[in-house]
Amino acid sequence: MFSAPHGQRITASSCICNPVRLTDSAGVSSLGTERLASVKERSAHMKRPPKPKASITSETRIGPAGWSYADWNGYVYPSRRSKGFHEAAYLSEFFDTIEINTSFYQPLKPEHAALWIERVAANPAFLFTAKVWQKFTHDPSATLEDERAVRPGFDVLRAAEKLGALLLQFPFSFHCTPETVAYLSAVLKRFADYPLVVELRHASWQTPDTFELLREHNAGFCNIDQPVIGKSVVPSSEATSPIGYVRLHGRRYDTWFDDNPATAGHERYNYLYSKEELEPWAERIEKVRSQTRKTFVVTNNHYQGKAVVNALQLISILKREKVKVPDPLREHYPELEKIADRMPAAPTLFAMGMETKKKAGR
């Protein structure tokens, strides 16, 4: 595990990355610019044209992290499944991307990658993203043999032109120091032949130096939403390569760093974003996609399908139109009726448009 030496405090002098917290580009720092532009428009007697209807092209993809969750049965997936049912195939009816999660825990098997490509074939716009094995992000002793083990599965996706990006997800304990900068550079060189994105959770990395480092390696910066505790990375809309990336983890401040064995692991991701919380992220996504060729938005607040709910809501906000919604999910989250583009196959338990009560974890 990467961490600072016991009792040592990471300071600006011990890290080439100046640990200055950046102001959110969708927040206060942009407000003055927006007001100035508004004044200029009024002074020039300009009439603001009506806001055009937005569209998400095949180059902007939104979807959940992973698909194999027991608690999605009866929530995202139907309780009774037809013969040959596969979760990835089902989700590809609603989304153009899914982030492969299992590759974080062990190398992706080529035969699994080939199977999943077949499962999503009905959606030609679909691209997978995948997390790189944690031995390269949480353990500095990864070997050449480990690299040889992870490549075959990714290569199957790449050969089929179904690999959108590989995500290097580093832990909060991975602080910016000269040693970790060197390590990050080495990993980026190691996998330079893939489309790479880097997730860094400690605020010491959220600096112009880091962004420049990623640009030099043609790697994307992962903009994240997480509980902002201590020196955590704050919401942003950075783009450092042709690939834009956003991940939403939820805002469970009470369980994010909870090591209590009595706390269920899923509670860390048991959070449903409100529409008001998603709208600022929609603005950030617009900024990211304006600077990139491909943008991926991944919802990781997976417990009981909340990631699917919020992914659908984000698509609806960005497209400014209604979307296709899984029928089982509508029964548990009646707020989805507002964005559903068709009537459910069977009557729901709730009146159309009825708001759900605030759930645990909000």
Protein backbone atom coordinates (compact mmCIF):
# COMPACT_ATOMS: atom_id res chain seq x y z
CA MET A 1 0.00 0.00 0.00
CA PHE A 2 1.29 3.45 -0.85
CA SER A 3 1.40 5.82 2.09
CA ALA A 4 3.51 8.51 3.68
CA PRO A 5 6.06 7.23 6.20
CA HIS A 6 4.60 6.98 9.68
CA GLY A 7 4.50 10.38 11.35
CA GLN A 8 5.77 12.20 8.25
CA ARG A 9 3.72 15.04 6.92
CA ILE A 10 3.73 15.64 3.18
CA THR A 11 4.54 19.29 2.53
CA ALA A 12 5.16 21.40 -0.53
CA SER A 13 8.90 21.05 -0.03
CA SER A 14 8.71 17.26 -0.07
CA CYS A 15 6.71 17.05 -3.29
CA ILE A 16 7.36 18.47 -6.72
CA CYS A 17 3.60 18.87 -7.08
CA ASN A 18 2.53 21.97 -5.20
CA PRO A 19 -0.38 20.79 -3.01
CA VAL A 20 -2.65 23.72 -3.76
CA ARG A 21 -6.37 23.01 -3.83
CA LEU A 22 -7.84 24.09 -7.11
CA THR A 23 -11.11 25.95 -7.29
CA ASP A 24 -13.78 23.97 -9.07
CA SER A 25 -14.01 25.23 -12.61
CA ALA A 26 -17.78 24.96 -12.47
CA GLY A 27 -17.89 26.88 -9.21
CA VAL A 28 -16.89 30.26 -7.85
CA SER A 29 -13.88 30.87 -10.08
CA SER A 30 -16.03 30.87 -13.23
CA LEU A 31 -18.77 33.03 -11.77
CA GLY A 32 -16.97 36.30 -12.38
CA THR A 33 -16.29 35.38 -15.99
CA GLU A 34 -19.93 34.49 -16.54
CA ARG A 35 -21.07 37.80 -15.05
CA LEU A 36 -18.59 39.73 -17.17
CA ALA A 37 -19.82 38.00 -20.30
CA SER A 38 -23.38 38.82 -19.31
CA VAL A 39 -22.51 42.50 -18.86
CA LYS A 40 -20.81 42.60 -22.25
CA GLU A 41 -23.85 41.08 -23.90
CA ARG A 42 -26.19 43.60 -22.32
CA SER A 43 -23.94 46.53 -23.20
CA ALA A 44 -23.86 45.42 -26.81
CA HIS A 45 -27.66 44.98 -26.79
CA MET A 46 -27.20 41.35 -27.72
CA LYS A 47 -30.15 39.06 -27.45
CA ARG A 48 -29.25 35.63 -26.12
CA PRO A 49 -30.42 32.97 -28.60
CA PRO A 50 -32.55 30.12 -27.29
CA LYS A 51 -30.53 27.26 -25.84
CA PRO A 52 -30.27 24.57 -28.53
CA LYS A 53 -31.27 21.04 -27.80
CA ALA A 54 -28.16 19.12 -26.80
CA SER A 55 -27.27 15.70 -28.08
CA ILE A 56 -24.88 13.07 -26.81
CA THR A 57 -22.95 11.76 -29.74
CA SER A 58 -21.37 8.31 -29.86
CA GLU A 59 -18.26 9.98 -28.46
CA THR A 60 -19.83 10.64 -25.05
CA ARG A 61 -20.75 7.53 -23.14
CA ILE A 62 -22.36 7.21 -19.72
CA GLY A 63 -22.83 3.99 -17.78
CA PRO A 64 -22.29 2.16 -14.49
CA ALA A 65 -19.18 0.61 -12.99
CA GLY A 66 -19.58 -3.15 -13.19
CA TRP A 67 -22.68 -5.28 -13.67
CA SER A 68 -22.35 -8.34 -11.44
CA TYR A 69 -24.04 -7.37 -8.18
CA ALA A 70 -26.40 -9.70 -6.32
CA ASP A 71 -28.36 -6.72 -4.99
CA TRP A 72 -29.24 -5.68 -8.58
CA ASN A 73 -31.52 -8.68 -8.96
CA GLY A 74 -35.08 -7.42 -8.88
CA TYR A 75 -33.82 -3.83 -8.96
CA VAL A 76 -31.94 -3.43 -12.24
CA TYR A 77 -32.49 -6.91 -13.63
CA PRO A 78 -35.81 -8.76 -13.80
CA SER A 79 -36.41 -11.26 -11.01
CA ARG A 80 -37.26 -13.88 -13.60
CA ARG A 81 -34.70 -14.09 -16.37
CA SER A 82 -35.12 -15.58 -19.79
CA LYS A 83 -32.83 -18.32 -21.01
CA GLY A 84 -29.52 -16.90 -22.14
CA PHE A 85 -29.93 -13.69 -20.15
CA HIS A 86 -26.67 -11.81 -19.60
CA GLU A 87 -26.27 -8.68 -17.50
CA ALA A 88 -23.91 -6.89 -19.90
CA ALA A 89 -26.20 -7.55 -22.87
CA TYR A 90 -29.16 -6.23 -20.88
CA LEU A 91 -27.34 -3.05 -19.82
CA SER A 92 -26.14 -2.40 -23.37
CA GLU A 93 -29.78 -1.73 -24.26
CA PHE A 94 -29.64 1.35 -22.04
CA PHE A 95 -25.98 2.41 -22.04
CA ASP A 96 -23.08 2.77 -24.47
CA THR A 97 -20.42 1.88 -21.87
CA ILE A 98 -19.74 -0.14 -18.74
CA GLU A 99 -16.56 0.01 -16.70
CA ILE A 100 -15.16 -3.49 -16.15
CA ASN A 101 -14.52 -3.84 -12.44
CA THR A 102 -13.26 -7.42 -12.13
CA SER A 103 -9.98 -6.53 -13.88
CA PHE A 104 -9.03 -4.52 -10.78
CA TYR A 105 -8.90 -7.68 -8.66
CA GLN A 106 -7.31 -10.07 -11.13
CA PRO A 107 -6.15 -10.07 -14.75
CA LEU A 108 -8.98 -10.08 -17.26
CA LYS A 109 -9.23 -13.45 -18.99
CA PRO A 110 -9.19 -13.21 -22.81
CA GLU A 111 -12.08 -15.65 -23.12
CA HIS A 112 -14.22 -13.49 -20.83
CA ALA A 113 -13.39 -10.39 -22.84
CA ALA A 114 -14.37 -12.18 -26.07
CA LEU A 115 -17.67 -13.33 -24.52
CA TRP A 116 -18.55 -9.83 -23.32
CA ILE A 117 -17.84 -8.38 -26.76
CA GLU A 118 -20.36 -10.83 -28.19
CA ARG A 119 -22.91 -9.94 -25.52
CA VAL A 120 -22.92 -6.23 -26.37
CA ALA A 121 -22.72 -6.66 -30.15
CA ALA A 122 -26.30 -5.47 -30.64
CA ASN A 123 -25.15 -1.97 -29.65
CA PRO A 124 -22.49 -0.93 -32.21
CA ALA A 125 -21.69 2.27 -30.25
CA PHE A 126 -20.74 0.33 -27.14
CA LEU A 127 -17.23 0.57 -25.67
CA PHE A 128 -15.86 -0.97 -22.49
CA THR A 129 -13.51 0.75 -20.12
CA ALA A 130 -11.55 -1.35 -17.65
CA LYS A 131 -9.64 -0.89 -14.41
CA VAL A 132 -6.02 -1.98 -14.38
CA TRP A 133 -5.07 -4.69 -11.87
CA GLN A 134 -4.53 -3.18 -8.43
CA LYS A 135 -1.01 -4.65 -8.25
CA PHE A 136 0.04 -1.69 -10.41
CA THR A 137 -1.71 0.98 -8.34
CA HIS A 138 -1.75 -0.32 -4.77
CA ASP A 139 1.44 -2.40 -4.72
CA PRO A 140 4.75 -0.96 -5.96
CA SER A 141 6.24 -4.42 -6.50
CA ALA A 142 4.41 -5.34 -9.72
CA THR A 143 6.68 -7.34 -12.04
CA LEU A 144 7.10 -7.86 -15.74
CA GLU A 145 5.27 -11.16 -15.34
CA ASP A 146 2.34 -9.26 -13.82
CA GLU A 147 2.29 -6.98 -16.85
CA ARG A 148 2.33 -9.97 -19.18
CA ALA A 149 -0.63 -11.39 -17.24
CA VAL A 150 -2.87 -8.33 -17.62
CA ARG A 151 -2.29 -7.58 -21.28
CA PRO A 152 -4.02 -10.50 -23.09
CA GLY A 153 -7.54 -9.65 -21.89
CA PHE A 154 -7.13 -5.97 -22.70
CA ASP A 155 -5.68 -6.87 -26.09
CA VAL A 156 -8.82 -8.80 -27.03
CA LEU A 157 -10.93 -5.71 -26.32
CA ARG A 158 -8.52 -3.48 -28.22
CA ALA A 159 -8.35 -5.77 -31.26
CA ALA A 160 -12.15 -5.71 -31.47
CA GLU A 161 -12.11 -1.90 -31.16
CA LYS A 162 -14.18 -2.18 -28.00
CA LEU A 163 -11.67 -0.73 -25.53
CA GLY A 164 -12.40 2.88 -24.67
CA ALA A 165 -9.88 3.39 -21.88
CA LEU A 166 -7.87 1.71 -19.15
CA LEU A 167 -8.22 3.26 -15.71
CA LEU A 168 -5.33 3.38 -13.25
CA GLN A 169 -7.12 3.94 -9.93
CA PHE A 170 -4.73 4.99 -7.17
CA PRO A 171 -5.76 5.07 -3.49
CA PHE A 172 -6.05 8.12 -1.24
CA SER A 173 -2.82 7.02 0.46
CA PHE A 174 -0.94 7.59 -2.80
CA HIS A 175 0.34 11.12 -2.12
CA CYS A 176 2.38 13.26 -4.48
CA THR A 177 6.09 12.89 -3.68
CA PRO A 178 9.14 12.74 -5.94
CA GLU A 179 9.10 8.95 -5.53
CA THR A 180 5.42 8.53 -6.43
CA VAL A 181 5.74 10.90 -9.38
CA ALA A 182 8.55 8.71 -10.70
CA TYR A 183 6.47 5.58 -10.11
CA LEU A 184 3.42 7.05 -11.86
CA SER A 185 5.57 8.05 -14.83
CA ALA A 186 6.99 4.53 -15.03
CA VAL A 187 3.52 2.94 -15.01
CA LEU A 188 2.30 5.33 -17.69
CA LYS A 189 5.27 4.39 -19.87
CA ARG A 190 4.64 0.71 -19.17
CA PHE A 191 1.11 0.86 -20.58
CA ALA A 192 1.62 3.73 -23.03
CA ASP A 193 0.27 1.70 -25.95
CA TYR A 194 -3.23 1.73 -24.38
CA PRO A 195 -5.63 4.67 -23.98
CA LEU A 196 -4.97 5.56 -20.32
CA VAL A 197 -6.80 7.49 -17.63
CA VAL A 198 -5.50 8.12 -14.11
CA GLU A 199 -7.61 8.50 -10.96
CA LEU A 200 -5.81 10.26 -8.11
CA ARG A 201 -7.74 10.83 -4.89
CA HIS A 202 -5.33 12.87 -2.75
CA ALA A 203 -5.40 16.64 -3.26
CA SER A 204 -1.60 16.89 -3.49
CA TRP A 205 -2.01 15.70 -7.09
CA GLN A 206 -4.62 18.25 -8.11
CA THR A 207 -2.11 20.73 -9.52
CA PRO A 208 -0.96 22.13 -12.87
CA ASP A 209 2.23 20.04 -12.55
CA THR A 210 0.20 16.84 -12.45
CA PHE A 211 -1.92 17.86 -15.42
CA GLU A 212 1.21 18.65 -17.39
CA LEU A 213 2.72 15.29 -16.46
CA LEU A 214 -0.37 13.49 -17.73
CA ARG A 215 -0.35 15.51 -20.95
CA GLU A 216 3.26 14.53 -21.54
CA HIS A 217 2.21 10.88 -21.33
CA ASN A 218 -1.04 11.40 -23.28
CA ALA A 219 -3.02 10.14 -20.28
CA GLY A 220 -6.39 11.44 -19.17
CA PHE A 221 -7.20 12.88 -15.74
CA CYS A 222 -10.16 11.26 -14.01
CA ASN A 223 -12.50 13.89 -12.53
CA ILE A 224 -14.18 12.39 -9.48
CA ASP A 225 -16.98 13.01 -7.04
CA GLN A 226 -16.21 11.59 -3.61
CA PRO A 227 -16.69 12.60 0.02
CA VAL A 228 -14.31 15.55 0.40
CA ILE A 229 -12.64 14.59 3.67
CA GLY A 230 -9.33 16.15 4.60
CA LYS A 231 -7.05 16.52 1.59
CA SER A 232 -9.33 14.84 -0.91
CA VAL A 233 -9.50 15.72 -4.59
CA VAL A 234 -12.41 18.09 -5.19
CA PRO A 235 -14.83 18.09 -8.14
CA SER A 236 -13.20 19.26 -11.37
CA SER A 237 -13.55 19.33 -15.14
CA GLU A 238 -9.98 18.73 -16.31
CA ALA A 239 -8.97 17.20 -19.64
CA THR A 240 -5.35 16.20 -20.27
CA SER A 241 -5.72 13.89 -23.27
CA PRO A 242 -8.20 13.15 -26.05
CA ILE A 243 -10.04 10.99 -23.51
CA GLY A 244 -12.21 12.66 -20.88
CA TYR A 245 -13.23 10.68 -17.80
CA VAL A 246 -15.60 11.27 -14.88
CA ARG A 247 -16.40 8.91 -11.98
CA LEU A 248 -19.08 9.45 -9.36
CA HIS A 249 -18.56 7.46 -6.16
CA GLY A 250 -21.35 8.86 -4.00
CA ARG A 251 -21.13 11.03 -0.90
CA ARG A 252 -21.26 8.68 2.05
CA TYR A 253 -19.12 10.72 4.43
CA ASP A 254 -19.96 8.38 7.30
CA THR A 255 -18.67 5.20 5.62
CA TRP A 256 -16.09 6.32 3.03
CA PHE A 257 -13.11 5.70 5.32
CA ASP A 258 -14.92 3.38 7.71
CA ASP A 259 -12.83 0.32 8.59
CA ASN A 260 -15.36 -1.05 11.06
CA PRO A 261 -15.88 -4.73 10.12
CA ALA A 262 -19.47 -4.43 11.30
CA THR A 263 -20.22 -1.98 8.48
CA ALA A 264 -21.33 -3.71 5.30
CA GLY A 265 -18.97 -3.05 2.40
CA HIS A 266 -21.75 -1.89 0.11
CA GLU A 267 -22.62 0.98 2.45
CA ARG A 268 -19.67 2.94 1.08
CA TYR A 269 -21.53 3.14 -2.23
CA ASN A 270 -25.09 3.31 -0.91
CA TYR A 271 -25.85 6.82 -2.09
CA LEU A 272 -28.36 8.22 -4.54
CA TYR A 273 -27.52 11.60 -6.08
CA SER A 274 -30.36 14.08 -6.35
CA LYS A 275 -31.06 15.90 -9.59
CA GLU A 276 -29.72 19.06 -7.96
CA GLU A 277 -26.44 17.28 -7.20
CA LEU A 278 -26.15 15.93 -10.74
CA GLU A 279 -26.74 19.20 -12.56
CA PRO A 280 -23.34 20.75 -11.65
CA TRP A 281 -21.72 17.55 -12.87
CA ALA A 282 -23.61 17.81 -16.14
CA GLU A 283 -22.00 21.23 -16.59
CA ARG A 284 -18.55 19.79 -15.85
CA ILE A 285 -19.14 16.94 -18.28
CA GLU A 286 -20.05 19.45 -20.97
CA LYS A 287 -16.75 21.24 -20.36
CA VAL A 288 -14.76 17.99 -20.44
CA ARG A 289 -16.39 16.76 -23.63
CA SER A 290 -15.73 20.09 -25.33
CA GLN A 291 -11.99 19.40 -24.94
CA THR A 292 -11.87 15.70 -25.80
CA ARG A 293 -12.65 13.22 -28.56
CA LYS A 294 -14.19 10.61 -26.28
CA THR A 295 -15.69 11.17 -22.84
CA PHE A 296 -16.69 8.45 -20.41
CA VAL A 297 -18.87 9.06 -17.35
CA VAL A 298 -19.03 6.20 -14.87
CA THR A 299 -21.34 5.96 -11.86
CA ASN A 300 -19.88 3.84 -9.07
CA ASN A 301 -22.58 4.29 -6.40
CA HIS A 302 -23.74 0.82 -7.26
CA TYR A 303 -25.75 -0.47 -4.28
CA GLN A 304 -29.25 -1.55 -5.32
CA GLY A 305 -28.87 -0.03 -8.75
CA LYS A 306 -28.39 3.58 -7.69
CA ALA A 307 -25.55 3.89 -10.22
CA VAL A 308 -27.96 2.94 -12.98
CA VAL A 309 -30.55 5.46 -11.78
CA ASN A 310 -28.06 8.32 -11.73
CA ALA A 311 -26.48 7.34 -15.07
CA LEU A 312 -29.90 7.44 -16.73
CA GLN A 313 -30.65 10.79 -15.10
CA LEU A 314 -27.37 12.24 -16.35
CA ILE A 315 -28.10 11.08 -19.89
CA SER A 316 -31.53 12.69 -19.70
CA ILE A 317 -30.11 15.97 -18.35
CA LEU A 318 -27.43 16.16 -21.04
CA LYS A 319 -29.69 15.14 -23.92
CA ARG A 320 -32.62 17.16 -22.55
CA GLU A 321 -34.97 14.37 -23.45
CA LYS A 322 -36.49 11.25 -21.97
CA VAL A 323 -34.65 7.93 -22.03
CA LYS A 324 -35.29 4.21 -21.97
CA VAL A 325 -35.54 2.94 -18.38
CA PRO A 326 -35.47 -0.68 -17.08
CA ASP A 327 -38.91 -1.63 -15.79
CA PRO A 328 -37.71 -3.25 -12.52
CA LEU A 329 -35.84 -0.07 -11.61
CA ARG A 330 -38.97 2.07 -12.03
CA GLU A 331 -40.72 0.17 -9.26
CA HIS A 332 -38.02 1.01 -6.74
CA TYR A 333 -37.20 4.54 -7.96
CA PRO A 334 -40.47 6.15 -9.09
CA GLU A 335 -38.69 9.44 -9.77
CA LEU A 336 -37.54 7.76 -12.98
CA GLU A 337 -41.06 8.08 -14.36
CA LYS A 338 -40.27 11.71 -15.10
CA ILE A 339 -37.53 10.77 -17.56
CA ALA A 340 -38.89 7.46 -18.92
CA ASP A 341 -39.64 7.62 -22.65
CA ARG A 342 -42.39 5.02 -22.57
CA MET A 343 -44.98 3.44 -20.33
CA PRO A 344 -43.83 0.42 -18.30
CA ALA A 345 -44.63 -3.03 -19.64
CA ALA A 346 -46.61 -3.68 -16.44
CA PRO A 347 -48.21 -1.19 -14.03
CA THR A 348 -45.82 0.15 -11.38
CA LEU A 349 -46.56 0.26 -7.67
CA PHE A 350 -46.49 4.07 -7.72
CA ALA A 351 -48.42 6.85 -9.37
CA MET A 352 -46.69 8.23 -12.45
CA GLY A 353 -44.23 10.97 -11.53
CA MET A 354 -44.49 10.33 -7.80
CA GLU A 355 -41.28 11.22 -5.98
CA THR A 356 -39.58 8.59 -3.88
CA LYS A 357 -38.93 9.26 -0.23
CA LYS A 358 -35.40 10.10 0.76
CA LYS A 359 -33.45 6.89 1.00
CA ALA A 360 -30.81 5.88 3.49
CA GLY A 361 -27.46 7.30 2.59
CA ARG A 362 -28.69 10.63 1.19
